[in-house]
Amino acid sequence: LFMQFHADMARVRINRPKYLETTAMGAAYCAGLAVGFWQDMDELQAKWAVDASWEPKMDLATRNKQFGFW
């Protein structure tokens, strides 16, 4: 519900990654790239996966009213 609210207010799709520790994963990916463990960014992008997504669903008039309260 909270993520849906954010998607509605921002009017953008929100994706939750499969692996939530993205900061640690990013550091590991950078280190792996630096030492040649991974070939390139394409290889790393293939590892990223979406666990859940939220699309904006609220009509614009309701969104504008809610945004004023937020």
N, C-alpha and C. Protein backbone atom coordinates (compact mmCIF):
# COMPACT_ATOMS: atom_id res chain seq x y z
N LEU A 1 0.82 -1.19 0.00
CA LEU A 1 0.00 0.00 0.00
C LEU A 1 0.87 1.26 0.00
N PHE A 2 1.93 1.26 0.81
CA PHE A 2 2.80 2.42 0.89
C PHE A 2 3.53 2.65 -0.43
N MET A 3 4.00 1.59 -1.05
CA MET A 3 4.71 1.73 -2.33
C MET A 3 3.75 2.17 -3.43
N GLN A 4 2.52 1.69 -3.38
CA GLN A 4 1.53 2.12 -4.36
C GLN A 4 1.26 3.61 -4.21
N PHE A 5 1.18 4.08 -2.97
CA PHE A 5 0.97 5.50 -2.72
C PHE A 5 2.12 6.33 -3.32
N HIS A 6 3.34 5.88 -3.14
CA HIS A 6 4.49 6.60 -3.71
C HIS A 6 4.43 6.61 -5.23
N ALA A 7 4.09 5.49 -5.83
CA ALA A 7 3.96 5.43 -7.29
C ALA A 7 2.89 6.40 -7.77
N ASP A 8 1.78 6.46 -7.05
CA ASP A 8 0.70 7.37 -7.42
C ASP A 8 1.12 8.82 -7.28
N MET A 9 1.78 9.16 -6.18
CA MET A 9 2.18 10.55 -5.95
C MET A 9 3.26 11.00 -6.93
N ALA A 10 4.23 10.14 -7.20
CA ALA A 10 5.32 10.50 -8.11
C ALA A 10 4.94 10.31 -9.57
N ARG A 11 3.86 9.57 -9.81
CA ARG A 11 3.39 9.25 -11.17
C ARG A 11 4.46 8.55 -11.99
N VAL A 12 5.15 7.61 -11.33
CA VAL A 12 6.17 6.80 -12.00
C VAL A 12 6.04 5.36 -11.51
N ARG A 13 6.55 4.42 -12.30
CA ARG A 13 6.61 3.02 -11.87
C ARG A 13 7.73 2.88 -10.85
N ILE A 14 7.46 2.14 -9.80
CA ILE A 14 8.47 1.86 -8.79
C ILE A 14 8.76 0.36 -8.84
N ASN A 15 10.03 0.02 -8.95
CA ASN A 15 10.46 -1.38 -8.97
C ASN A 15 11.21 -1.69 -7.68
N ARG A 16 10.86 -2.82 -7.06
CA ARG A 16 11.62 -3.31 -5.92
C ARG A 16 12.52 -4.43 -6.44
N PRO A 17 13.83 -4.31 -6.24
CA PRO A 17 14.73 -5.34 -6.75
C PRO A 17 14.61 -6.65 -5.97
N LYS A 18 14.97 -7.73 -6.61
CA LYS A 18 14.93 -9.03 -5.96
C LYS A 18 15.89 -9.07 -4.77
N TYR A 19 17.05 -8.45 -4.95
CA TYR A 19 18.05 -8.38 -3.87
C TYR A 19 17.99 -7.00 -3.27
N LEU A 20 17.58 -6.91 -2.00
CA LEU A 20 17.35 -5.62 -1.37
C LEU A 20 18.63 -4.91 -0.94
N GLU A 21 19.70 -5.63 -0.74
CA GLU A 21 20.96 -5.02 -0.30
C GLU A 21 21.72 -4.46 -1.49
N THR A 22 21.12 -3.47 -2.15
CA THR A 22 21.71 -2.95 -3.38
C THR A 22 22.99 -2.15 -3.15
N THR A 23 23.15 -1.54 -1.98
CA THR A 23 24.39 -0.80 -1.70
C THR A 23 25.56 -1.75 -1.61
N ALA A 24 25.41 -2.80 -0.84
CA ALA A 24 26.48 -3.80 -0.71
C ALA A 24 26.74 -4.50 -2.04
N MET A 25 25.67 -4.81 -2.75
CA MET A 25 25.80 -5.46 -4.05
C MET A 25 26.53 -4.56 -5.03
N GLY A 26 26.21 -3.27 -5.02
CA GLY A 26 26.88 -2.32 -5.90
C GLY A 26 28.37 -2.23 -5.62
N ALA A 27 28.74 -2.23 -4.34
CA ALA A 27 30.16 -2.18 -3.97
C ALA A 27 30.87 -3.45 -4.45
N ALA A 28 30.21 -4.57 -4.30
CA ALA A 28 30.80 -5.84 -4.75
C ALA A 28 30.93 -5.87 -6.28
N TYR A 29 29.93 -5.36 -6.96
CA TYR A 29 30.00 -5.30 -8.43
C TYR A 29 31.14 -4.40 -8.90
N CYS A 30 31.28 -3.24 -8.25
CA CYS A 30 32.38 -2.33 -8.63
C CYS A 30 33.74 -2.98 -8.40
N ALA A 31 33.89 -3.64 -7.27
CA ALA A 31 35.15 -4.32 -6.98
C ALA A 31 35.41 -5.43 -7.99
N GLY A 32 34.38 -6.18 -8.32
CA GLY A 32 34.52 -7.27 -9.29
C GLY A 32 34.89 -6.75 -10.68
N LEU A 33 34.31 -5.62 -11.06
CA LEU A 33 34.66 -5.01 -12.35
C LEU A 33 36.12 -4.54 -12.34
N ALA A 34 36.54 -3.96 -11.21
CA ALA A 34 37.90 -3.41 -11.12
C ALA A 34 38.98 -4.49 -11.26
N VAL A 35 38.69 -5.69 -10.76
CA VAL A 35 39.71 -6.76 -10.82
C VAL A 35 39.47 -7.72 -11.98
N GLY A 36 38.46 -7.44 -12.80
CA GLY A 36 38.21 -8.28 -13.97
C GLY A 36 37.37 -9.52 -13.71
N PHE A 37 36.72 -9.60 -12.55
CA PHE A 37 35.87 -10.75 -12.26
C PHE A 37 34.68 -10.80 -13.21
N TRP A 38 34.12 -9.60 -13.51
CA TRP A 38 33.06 -9.47 -14.50
C TRP A 38 33.61 -8.74 -15.70
N GLN A 39 33.12 -9.09 -16.87
CA GLN A 39 33.62 -8.51 -18.11
C GLN A 39 33.21 -7.05 -18.29
N ASP A 40 31.91 -6.77 -18.07
CA ASP A 40 31.40 -5.42 -18.34
C ASP A 40 30.06 -5.22 -17.64
N MET A 41 29.50 -4.02 -17.82
CA MET A 41 28.23 -3.68 -17.19
C MET A 41 27.07 -4.53 -17.71
N ASP A 42 27.15 -4.96 -18.96
CA ASP A 42 26.08 -5.80 -19.52
C ASP A 42 25.95 -7.09 -18.71
N GLU A 43 27.06 -7.65 -18.30
CA GLU A 43 27.03 -8.88 -17.50
C GLU A 43 26.35 -8.62 -16.16
N LEU A 44 26.62 -7.48 -15.56
CA LEU A 44 26.01 -7.16 -14.27
C LEU A 44 24.53 -6.83 -14.42
N GLN A 45 24.17 -6.12 -15.48
CA GLN A 45 22.76 -5.78 -15.69
C GLN A 45 21.91 -7.04 -15.86
N ALA A 46 22.49 -8.08 -16.41
CA ALA A 46 21.76 -9.34 -16.59
C ALA A 46 21.45 -10.00 -15.24
N LYS A 47 22.18 -9.65 -14.19
CA LYS A 47 21.97 -10.23 -12.87
C LYS A 47 20.86 -9.53 -12.10
N TRP A 48 20.50 -8.30 -12.52
CA TRP A 48 19.49 -7.53 -11.79
C TRP A 48 18.10 -8.06 -12.13
N ALA A 49 17.27 -8.22 -11.12
CA ALA A 49 15.92 -8.73 -11.33
C ALA A 49 14.92 -7.95 -10.47
N VAL A 50 13.71 -7.79 -10.98
CA VAL A 50 12.63 -7.11 -10.26
C VAL A 50 11.85 -8.13 -9.46
N ASP A 51 11.60 -7.81 -8.19
CA ASP A 51 10.78 -8.66 -7.34
C ASP A 51 9.31 -8.24 -7.42
N ALA A 52 9.07 -6.92 -7.42
CA ALA A 52 7.71 -6.40 -7.48
C ALA A 52 7.73 -5.01 -8.11
N SER A 53 6.62 -4.63 -8.73
CA SER A 53 6.49 -3.31 -9.36
C SER A 53 5.15 -2.69 -9.00
N TRP A 54 5.15 -1.37 -8.94
CA TRP A 54 3.92 -0.62 -8.71
C TRP A 54 3.81 0.44 -9.78
N GLU A 55 2.67 0.49 -10.44
CA GLU A 55 2.39 1.48 -11.48
C GLU A 55 1.42 2.51 -10.92
N PRO A 56 1.52 3.77 -11.35
CA PRO A 56 0.55 4.76 -10.90
C PRO A 56 -0.86 4.37 -11.35
N LYS A 57 -1.81 4.41 -10.42
CA LYS A 57 -3.19 4.03 -10.74
C LYS A 57 -4.19 5.12 -10.37
N MET A 58 -3.79 6.02 -9.52
CA MET A 58 -4.71 7.05 -9.03
C MET A 58 -4.97 8.08 -10.12
N ASP A 59 -6.24 8.48 -10.27
CA ASP A 59 -6.54 9.51 -11.26
C ASP A 59 -5.93 10.84 -10.82
N LEU A 60 -5.67 11.70 -11.78
CA LEU A 60 -4.93 12.93 -11.54
C LEU A 60 -5.62 13.86 -10.53
N ALA A 61 -6.93 13.96 -10.59
CA ALA A 61 -7.66 14.84 -9.66
C ALA A 61 -7.50 14.36 -8.22
N THR A 62 -7.62 13.05 -8.00
CA THR A 62 -7.45 12.49 -6.66
C THR A 62 -6.01 12.65 -6.21
N ARG A 63 -5.08 12.43 -7.11
CA ARG A 63 -3.66 12.56 -6.77
C ARG A 63 -3.35 13.99 -6.33
N ASN A 64 -3.85 14.97 -7.07
CA ASN A 64 -3.59 16.36 -6.73
C ASN A 64 -4.19 16.72 -5.37
N LYS A 65 -5.37 16.20 -5.08
CA LYS A 65 -5.99 16.45 -3.78
C LYS A 65 -5.17 15.81 -2.66
N GLN A 66 -4.78 14.55 -2.85
CA GLN A 66 -3.96 13.84 -1.85
C GLN A 66 -2.60 14.51 -1.67
N PHE A 67 -2.04 14.97 -2.76
CA PHE A 67 -0.72 15.61 -2.70
C PHE A 67 -0.77 16.85 -1.82
N GLY A 68 -1.88 17.57 -1.88
CA GLY A 68 -2.04 18.75 -1.03
C GLY A 68 -2.06 18.40 0.46
N PHE A 69 -2.59 17.23 0.80
CA PHE A 69 -2.61 16.80 2.20
C PHE A 69 -1.26 16.25 2.65
N TRP A 70 -0.51 15.75 1.72
CA TRP A 70 0.76 15.10 2.02
C TRP A 70 1.75 16.16 2.37
